[in-house]
PDB file of all heavy atoms in Angstrom:
ATOM      1  N   GLY A   1      -2.268   3.620  -9.440  1.00  0.00           N
ATOM      2  CA  GLY A   1      -1.561   3.947 -10.702  1.00  0.00           C
ATOM      3  C   GLY A   1      -0.101   3.708 -10.655  1.00  0.00           C
ATOM      4  O   GLY A   1       0.604   3.851 -11.689  1.00  0.00           O
ATOM      5  N   LEU A   2       0.483   3.330  -9.505  1.00  0.00           N
ATOM      6  CA  LEU A   2       1.932   3.156  -9.448  1.00  0.00           C
ATOM      7  C   LEU A   2       2.339   1.746  -9.924  1.00  0.00           C
ATOM      8  O   LEU A   2       1.833   0.750  -9.494  1.00  0.00           O
ATOM      9  CB  LEU A   2       2.393   3.316  -8.007  1.00  0.00           C
ATOM     10  CG  LEU A   2       2.363   4.734  -7.421  1.00  0.00           C
ATOM     11  CD1 LEU A   2       2.773   4.713  -5.928  1.00  0.00           C
ATOM     12  CD2 LEU A   2       3.243   5.707  -8.228  1.00  0.00           C
ATOM     13  N   PRO A   3       3.365   1.699 -10.847  1.00  0.00           N
ATOM     14  CA  PRO A   3       3.732   0.352 -11.376  1.00  0.00           C
ATOM     15  C   PRO A   3       4.418  -0.514 -10.353  1.00  0.00           C
ATOM     16  O   PRO A   3       4.469  -1.687 -10.493  1.00  0.00           O
ATOM     17  CB  PRO A   3       4.713   0.771 -12.514  1.00  0.00           C
ATOM     18  CG  PRO A   3       5.178   2.138 -12.213  1.00  0.00           C
ATOM     19  CD  PRO A   3       4.005   2.825 -11.524  1.00  0.00           C
ATOM     20  N   VAL A   4       4.971   0.094  -9.290  1.00  0.00           N
ATOM     21  CA  VAL A   4       5.694  -0.764  -8.269  1.00  0.00           C
ATOM     22  C   VAL A   4       4.688  -1.273  -7.253  1.00  0.00           C
ATOM     23  O   VAL A   4       5.075  -2.137  -6.428  1.00  0.00           O
ATOM     24  CB  VAL A   4       6.759   0.099  -7.505  1.00  0.00           C
ATOM     25  CG1 VAL A   4       7.878   0.480  -8.495  1.00  0.00           C
ATOM     26  CG2 VAL A   4       6.190   1.304  -6.826  1.00  0.00           C
ATOM     27  N   VAL A   5       3.475  -0.903  -7.229  1.00  0.00           N
ATOM     28  CA  VAL A   5       2.473  -1.365  -6.324  1.00  0.00           C
ATOM     29  C   VAL A   5       1.760  -2.570  -6.941  1.00  0.00           C
ATOM     30  O   VAL A   5       1.044  -2.435  -7.944  1.00  0.00           O
ATOM     31  CB  VAL A   5       1.452  -0.279  -5.853  1.00  0.00           C
ATOM     32  CG1 VAL A   5       0.364  -0.932  -5.013  1.00  0.00           C
ATOM     33  CG2 VAL A   5       2.171   0.795  -5.130  1.00  0.00           C
ATOM     34  N   ARG A   6       2.019  -3.740  -6.389  1.00  0.00           N
ATOM     35  CA  ARG A   6       1.376  -4.953  -6.966  1.00  0.00           C
ATOM     36  C   ARG A   6      -0.039  -5.076  -6.453  1.00  0.00           C
ATOM     37  O   ARG A   6      -0.948  -5.467  -7.247  1.00  0.00           O
ATOM     38  CB  ARG A   6       2.194  -6.194  -6.560  1.00  0.00           C
ATOM     39  CG  ARG A   6       1.837  -7.439  -7.304  1.00  0.00           C
ATOM     40  CD  ARG A   6       2.478  -8.656  -6.672  1.00  0.00           C
ATOM     41  NE  ARG A   6       3.951  -8.553  -6.561  1.00  0.00           N
ATOM     42  CZ  ARG A   6       4.758  -8.962  -7.594  1.00  0.00           C
ATOM     43  NH1 ARG A   6       4.229  -9.475  -8.707  1.00  0.00           N
ATOM     44  NH2 ARG A   6       6.033  -8.832  -7.452  1.00  0.00           N
ATOM     45  N   ASN A   7      -0.263  -4.809  -5.186  1.00  0.00           N
ATOM     46  CA  ASN A   7      -1.624  -4.940  -4.648  1.00  0.00           C
ATOM     47  C   ASN A   7      -1.718  -4.165  -3.324  1.00  0.00           C
ATOM     48  O   ASN A   7      -0.713  -3.922  -2.679  1.00  0.00           O
ATOM     49  CB  ASN A   7      -1.923  -6.444  -4.364  1.00  0.00           C
ATOM     50  CG  ASN A   7      -3.337  -6.712  -4.011  1.00  0.00           C
ATOM     51  OD1 ASN A   7      -4.253  -5.991  -4.425  1.00  0.00           O
ATOM     52  ND2 ASN A   7      -3.599  -7.695  -3.201  1.00  0.00           N
ATOM     53  N   SER A   8      -2.945  -3.719  -3.024  1.00  0.00           N
ATOM     54  CA  SER A   8      -3.143  -3.079  -1.762  1.00  0.00           C
ATOM     55  C   SER A   8      -4.504  -3.463  -1.191  1.00  0.00           C
ATOM     56  O   SER A   8      -5.449  -3.610  -1.973  1.00  0.00           O
ATOM     57  CB  SER A   8      -3.050  -1.571  -1.914  1.00  0.00           C
ATOM     58  OG  SER A   8      -4.125  -1.062  -2.740  1.00  0.00           O
ATOM     59  N   ARG A   9      -4.577  -3.671   0.134  1.00  0.00           N
ATOM     60  CA  ARG A   9      -5.771  -4.078   0.798  1.00  0.00           C
ATOM     61  C   ARG A   9      -6.006  -3.301   2.034  1.00  0.00           C
ATOM     62  O   ARG A   9      -5.117  -3.056   2.824  1.00  0.00           O
ATOM     63  CB  ARG A   9      -5.663  -5.570   1.161  1.00  0.00           C
ATOM     64  CG  ARG A   9      -5.463  -6.496   0.002  1.00  0.00           C
ATOM     65  CD  ARG A   9      -5.351  -7.965   0.507  1.00  0.00           C
ATOM     66  NE  ARG A   9      -4.229  -8.194   1.361  1.00  0.00           N
ATOM     67  CZ  ARG A   9      -2.934  -8.329   0.998  1.00  0.00           C
ATOM     68  NH1 ARG A   9      -2.679  -8.238  -0.338  1.00  0.00           N
ATOM     69  NH2 ARG A   9      -1.997  -8.489   1.840  1.00  0.00           N
ATOM     70  N   VAL A  10      -7.225  -2.787   2.225  1.00  0.00           N
ATOM     71  CA  VAL A  10      -7.580  -1.990   3.378  1.00  0.00           C
ATOM     72  C   VAL A  10      -7.850  -2.959   4.494  1.00  0.00           C
ATOM     73  O   VAL A  10      -8.692  -3.835   4.438  1.00  0.00           O
ATOM     74  CB  VAL A  10      -8.840  -1.094   3.108  1.00  0.00           C
ATOM     75  CG1 VAL A  10      -9.238  -0.399   4.425  1.00  0.00           C
ATOM     76  CG2 VAL A  10      -8.520  -0.066   2.059  1.00  0.00           C
ATOM     77  N   ILE A  11      -7.041  -2.795   5.575  1.00  0.00           N
ATOM     78  CA  ILE A  11      -7.213  -3.667   6.746  1.00  0.00           C
ATOM     79  C   ILE A  11      -8.198  -3.062   7.753  1.00  0.00           C
ATOM     80  O   ILE A  11      -9.017  -3.758   8.349  1.00  0.00           O
ATOM     81  CB  ILE A  11      -5.836  -3.907   7.452  1.00  0.00           C
ATOM     82  CG1 ILE A  11      -4.863  -4.471   6.437  1.00  0.00           C
ATOM     83  CG2 ILE A  11      -6.039  -4.842   8.616  1.00  0.00           C
ATOM     84  CD1 ILE A  11      -5.265  -5.765   5.820  1.00  0.00           C
ATOM     85  N   ALA A  12      -8.120  -1.735   7.939  1.00  0.00           N
ATOM     86  CA  ALA A  12      -9.006  -1.072   8.824  1.00  0.00           C
ATOM     87  C   ALA A  12      -9.117   0.401   8.384  1.00  0.00           C
ATOM     88  O   ALA A  12      -8.232   0.962   7.780  1.00  0.00           O
ATOM     89  CB  ALA A  12      -8.477  -1.118  10.210  1.00  0.00           C
ATOM     90  N   MET A  13     -10.237   1.005   8.692  1.00  0.00           N
ATOM     91  CA  MET A  13     -10.501   2.400   8.277  1.00  0.00           C
ATOM     92  C   MET A  13     -11.336   3.118   9.341  1.00  0.00           C
ATOM     93  O   MET A  13     -12.227   2.524   9.901  1.00  0.00           O
ATOM     94  CB  MET A  13     -11.194   2.463   6.943  1.00  0.00           C
ATOM     95  CG  MET A  13     -11.485   3.902   6.477  1.00  0.00           C
ATOM     96  SD  MET A  13     -12.382   3.977   4.929  1.00  0.00           S
ATOM     97  CE  MET A  13     -11.159   3.393   3.770  1.00  0.00           C
ATOM     98  N   SER A  14     -10.957   4.347   9.647  1.00  0.00           N
ATOM     99  CA  SER A  14     -11.724   5.189  10.513  1.00  0.00           C
ATOM    100  C   SER A  14     -11.771   6.566   9.881  1.00  0.00           C
ATOM    101  O   SER A  14     -11.284   6.756   8.822  1.00  0.00           O
ATOM    102  CB  SER A  14     -11.032   5.240  11.924  1.00  0.00           C
ATOM    103  OG  SER A  14      -9.858   6.040  11.906  1.00  0.00           O
ATOM    104  N   LYS A  15     -12.364   7.452  10.655  1.00  0.00           N
ATOM    105  CA  LYS A  15     -12.472   8.827  10.122  1.00  0.00           C
ATOM    106  C   LYS A  15     -11.150   9.534  10.126  1.00  0.00           C
ATOM    107  O   LYS A  15     -10.909  10.583   9.452  1.00  0.00           O
ATOM    108  CB  LYS A  15     -13.418   9.675  10.964  1.00  0.00           C
ATOM    109  CG  LYS A  15     -14.842   9.194  10.902  1.00  0.00           C
ATOM    110  CD  LYS A  15     -15.769  10.061  11.797  1.00  0.00           C
ATOM    111  CE  LYS A  15     -17.182   9.614  11.747  1.00  0.00           C
ATOM    112  NZ  LYS A  15     -18.122  10.421  12.599  1.00  0.00           N
ATOM    113  N   ARG A  16     -10.138   8.980  10.788  1.00  0.00           N
ATOM    114  CA  ARG A  16      -8.822   9.647  10.929  1.00  0.00           C
ATOM    115  C   ARG A  16      -7.697   8.957  10.304  1.00  0.00           C
ATOM    116  O   ARG A  16      -6.642   9.508  10.083  1.00  0.00           O
ATOM    117  CB  ARG A  16      -8.512   9.899  12.475  1.00  0.00           C
ATOM    118  CG  ARG A  16      -9.555  10.666  13.229  1.00  0.00           C
ATOM    119  CD  ARG A  16      -9.271  10.688  14.626  1.00  0.00           C
ATOM    120  NE  ARG A  16      -8.057  11.436  14.956  1.00  0.00           N
ATOM    121  CZ  ARG A  16      -7.453  11.476  16.196  1.00  0.00           C
ATOM    122  NH1 ARG A  16      -8.057  10.857  17.173  1.00  0.00           N
ATOM    123  NH2 ARG A  16      -6.399  12.176  16.328  1.00  0.00           N
ATOM    124  N   GLU A  17      -7.861   7.648   9.964  1.00  0.00           N
ATOM    125  CA  GLU A  17      -6.738   6.896   9.351  1.00  0.00           C
ATOM    126  C   GLU A  17      -7.225   5.721   8.584  1.00  0.00           C
ATOM    127  O   GLU A  17      -8.303   5.175   8.777  1.00  0.00           O
ATOM    128  CB  GLU A  17      -5.790   6.460  10.451  1.00  0.00           C
ATOM    129  CG  GLU A  17      -6.350   5.378  11.320  1.00  0.00           C
ATOM    130  CD  GLU A  17      -5.359   4.933  12.430  1.00  0.00           C
ATOM    131  OE1 GLU A  17      -4.496   5.710  12.799  1.00  0.00           O
ATOM    132  OE2 GLU A  17      -5.589   3.830  12.894  1.00  0.00           O
ATOM    133  N   VAL A  18      -6.352   5.295   7.716  1.00  0.00           N
ATOM    134  CA  VAL A  18      -6.559   3.993   6.927  1.00  0.00           C
ATOM    135  C   VAL A  18      -5.364   3.145   7.207  1.00  0.00           C
ATOM    136  O   VAL A  18      -4.190   3.595   7.127  1.00  0.00           O
ATOM    137  CB  VAL A  18      -6.693   4.246   5.448  1.00  0.00           C
ATOM    138  CG1 VAL A  18      -6.763   2.961   4.655  1.00  0.00           C
ATOM    139  CG2 VAL A  18      -7.906   5.148   5.128  1.00  0.00           C
ATOM    140  N   GLN A  19      -5.598   1.881   7.556  1.00  0.00           N
ATOM    141  CA  GLN A  19      -4.534   0.903   7.712  1.00  0.00           C
ATOM    142  C   GLN A  19      -4.532   0.074   6.449  1.00  0.00           C
ATOM    143  O   GLN A  19      -5.510  -0.579   6.097  1.00  0.00           O
ATOM    144  CB  GLN A  19      -4.709   0.020   9.000  1.00  0.00           C
ATOM    145  CG  GLN A  19      -3.548  -0.899   9.243  1.00  0.00           C
ATOM    146  CD  GLN A  19      -3.796  -1.709  10.508  1.00  0.00           C
ATOM    147  OE1 GLN A  19      -4.725  -1.475  11.267  1.00  0.00           O
ATOM    148  NE2 GLN A  19      -2.872  -2.635  10.790  1.00  0.00           N
ATOM    149  N   LEU A  20      -3.350   0.027   5.808  1.00  0.00           N
ATOM    150  CA  LEU A  20      -3.313  -0.605   4.460  1.00  0.00           C
ATOM    151  C   LEU A  20      -2.184  -1.651   4.449  1.00  0.00           C
ATOM    152  O   LEU A  20      -1.075  -1.413   4.892  1.00  0.00           O
ATOM    153  CB  LEU A  20      -3.043   0.465   3.406  1.00  0.00           C
ATOM    154  CG  LEU A  20      -3.204   0.151   1.970  1.00  0.00           C
ATOM    155  CD1 LEU A  20      -4.693  -0.045   1.674  1.00  0.00           C
ATOM    156  CD2 LEU A  20      -2.655   1.287   1.082  1.00  0.00           C
ATOM    157  N   SER A  21      -2.449  -2.776   3.815  1.00  0.00           N
ATOM    158  CA  SER A  21      -1.454  -3.756   3.490  1.00  0.00           C
ATOM    159  C   SER A  21      -1.040  -3.560   2.072  1.00  0.00           C
ATOM    160  O   SER A  21      -1.853  -3.662   1.135  1.00  0.00           O
ATOM    161  CB  SER A  21      -2.012  -5.224   3.673  1.00  0.00           C
ATOM    162  OG  SER A  21      -1.024  -6.166   3.282  1.00  0.00           O
ATOM    163  N   LEU A  22       0.243  -3.295   1.862  1.00  0.00           N
ATOM    164  CA  LEU A  22       0.711  -2.878   0.546  1.00  0.00           C
ATOM    165  C   LEU A  22       1.823  -3.856   0.039  1.00  0.00           C
ATOM    166  O   LEU A  22       2.866  -4.028   0.700  1.00  0.00           O
ATOM    167  CB  LEU A  22       1.367  -1.463   0.689  1.00  0.00           C
ATOM    168  CG  LEU A  22       1.650  -0.694  -0.613  1.00  0.00           C
ATOM    169  CD1 LEU A  22       0.382  -0.351  -1.288  1.00  0.00           C
ATOM    170  CD2 LEU A  22       2.489   0.575  -0.313  1.00  0.00           C
ATOM    171  N   ASP A  23       1.482  -4.539  -1.003  1.00  0.00           N
ATOM    172  CA  ASP A  23       2.491  -5.428  -1.765  1.00  0.00           C
ATOM    173  C   ASP A  23       3.167  -4.600  -2.822  1.00  0.00           C
ATOM    174  O   ASP A  23       2.478  -3.961  -3.649  1.00  0.00           O
ATOM    175  CB  ASP A  23       1.754  -6.583  -2.326  1.00  0.00           C
ATOM    176  CG  ASP A  23       1.070  -7.527  -1.281  1.00  0.00           C
ATOM    177  OD1 ASP A  23       1.647  -7.562  -0.169  1.00  0.00           O
ATOM    178  OD2 ASP A  23       0.063  -8.121  -1.633  1.00  0.00           O
ATOM    179  N   TYR A  24       4.509  -4.727  -2.869  1.00  0.00           N
ATOM    180  CA  TYR A  24       5.223  -3.909  -3.872  1.00  0.00           C
ATOM    181  C   TYR A  24       6.337  -4.749  -4.517  1.00  0.00           C
ATOM    182  O   TYR A  24       6.738  -5.800  -3.971  1.00  0.00           O
ATOM    183  CB  TYR A  24       5.836  -2.675  -3.250  1.00  0.00           C
ATOM    184  CG  TYR A  24       6.872  -2.958  -2.146  1.00  0.00           C
ATOM    185  CD1 TYR A  24       8.224  -3.037  -2.439  1.00  0.00           C
ATOM    186  CD2 TYR A  24       6.465  -3.225  -0.858  1.00  0.00           C
ATOM    187  CE1 TYR A  24       9.200  -3.322  -1.466  1.00  0.00           C
ATOM    188  CE2 TYR A  24       7.370  -3.480   0.141  1.00  0.00           C
ATOM    189  CZ  TYR A  24       8.787  -3.560  -0.142  1.00  0.00           C
ATOM    190  OH  TYR A  24       9.659  -3.890   0.796  1.00  0.00           O
ATOM    191  N   VAL A  25       6.798  -4.314  -5.660  1.00  0.00           N
ATOM    192  CA  VAL A  25       7.949  -4.951  -6.324  1.00  0.00           C
ATOM    193  C   VAL A  25       9.109  -4.027  -6.302  1.00  0.00           C
ATOM    194  O   VAL A  25       8.975  -2.779  -6.098  1.00  0.00           O
ATOM    195  CB  VAL A  25       7.635  -5.289  -7.833  1.00  0.00           C
ATOM    196  CG1 VAL A  25       6.523  -6.388  -7.888  1.00  0.00           C
ATOM    197  CG2 VAL A  25       7.240  -4.060  -8.602  1.00  0.00           C
ATOM    198  N   GLY A  26      10.342  -4.596  -6.418  1.00  0.00           N
ATOM    199  CA  GLY A  26      11.477  -3.730  -6.280  1.00  0.00           C
ATOM    200  C   GLY A  26      11.891  -3.542  -4.856  1.00  0.00           C
ATOM    201  O   GLY A  26      11.655  -4.389  -3.968  1.00  0.00           O
ATOM    202  N   SER A  27      12.524  -2.442  -4.596  1.00  0.00           N
ATOM    203  CA  SER A  27      13.036  -2.155  -3.205  1.00  0.00           C
ATOM    204  C   SER A  27      12.142  -1.119  -2.537  1.00  0.00           C
ATOM    205  O   SER A  27      11.326  -0.439  -3.147  1.00  0.00           O
ATOM    206  CB  SER A  27      14.465  -1.584  -3.292  1.00  0.00           C
ATOM    207  OG  SER A  27      14.484  -0.291  -3.931  1.00  0.00           O
ATOM    208  N   THR A  28      12.361  -0.999  -1.228  1.00  0.00           N
ATOM    209  CA  THR A  28      11.602   0.051  -0.494  1.00  0.00           C
ATOM    210  C   THR A  28      11.969   1.439  -0.944  1.00  0.00           C
ATOM    211  O   THR A  28      11.136   2.322  -1.017  1.00  0.00           O
ATOM    212  CB  THR A  28      11.886  -0.066   1.055  1.00  0.00           C
ATOM    213  OG1 THR A  28      11.640  -1.478   1.454  1.00  0.00           O
ATOM    214  CG2 THR A  28      11.025   0.843   1.843  1.00  0.00           C
ATOM    215  N   ASN A  29      13.276   1.659  -1.331  1.00  0.00           N
ATOM    216  CA  ASN A  29      13.668   2.948  -1.818  1.00  0.00           C
ATOM    217  C   ASN A  29      12.910   3.285  -3.121  1.00  0.00           C
ATOM    218  O   ASN A  29      12.539   4.476  -3.355  1.00  0.00           O
ATOM    219  CB  ASN A  29      15.171   2.951  -2.063  1.00  0.00           C
ATOM    220  CG  ASN A  29      15.941   3.089  -0.751  1.00  0.00           C
ATOM    221  OD1 ASN A  29      15.420   3.435   0.283  1.00  0.00           O
ATOM    222  ND2 ASN A  29      17.235   2.678  -0.780  1.00  0.00           N
ATOM    223  N   GLN A  30      12.725   2.269  -3.996  1.00  0.00           N
ATOM    224  CA  GLN A  30      12.042   2.506  -5.228  1.00  0.00           C
ATOM    225  C   GLN A  30      10.566   2.832  -4.980  1.00  0.00           C
ATOM    226  O   GLN A  30       9.964   3.709  -5.634  1.00  0.00           O
ATOM    227  CB  GLN A  30      12.171   1.313  -6.192  1.00  0.00           C
ATOM    228  CG  GLN A  30      13.545   1.141  -6.804  1.00  0.00           C
ATOM    229  CD  GLN A  30      13.609  -0.047  -7.649  1.00  0.00           C
ATOM    230  OE1 GLN A  30      13.126  -1.139  -7.366  1.00  0.00           O
ATOM    231  NE2 GLN A  30      14.261   0.129  -8.788  1.00  0.00           N
ATOM    232  N   LEU A  31      10.004   2.170  -3.986  1.00  0.00           N
ATOM    233  CA  LEU A  31       8.609   2.504  -3.592  1.00  0.00           C
ATOM    234  C   LEU A  31       8.530   3.880  -3.063  1.00  0.00           C
ATOM    235  O   LEU A  31       7.618   4.665  -3.395  1.00  0.00           O
ATOM    236  CB  LEU A  31       8.108   1.506  -2.530  1.00  0.00           C
ATOM    237  CG  LEU A  31       6.765   1.795  -1.910  1.00  0.00           C
ATOM    238  CD1 LEU A  31       5.653   1.717  -3.000  1.00  0.00           C
ATOM    239  CD2 LEU A  31       6.485   0.806  -0.790  1.00  0.00           C
TER     240      LEU A  31
END
């Protein structure tokens, strides 16, 4: 639901963590 997130892809998942590739617009501070 975040407007600054352009796309996200799950790279790996376990019972304890999710590794995510996150594409965003704007700056890291805005994210």
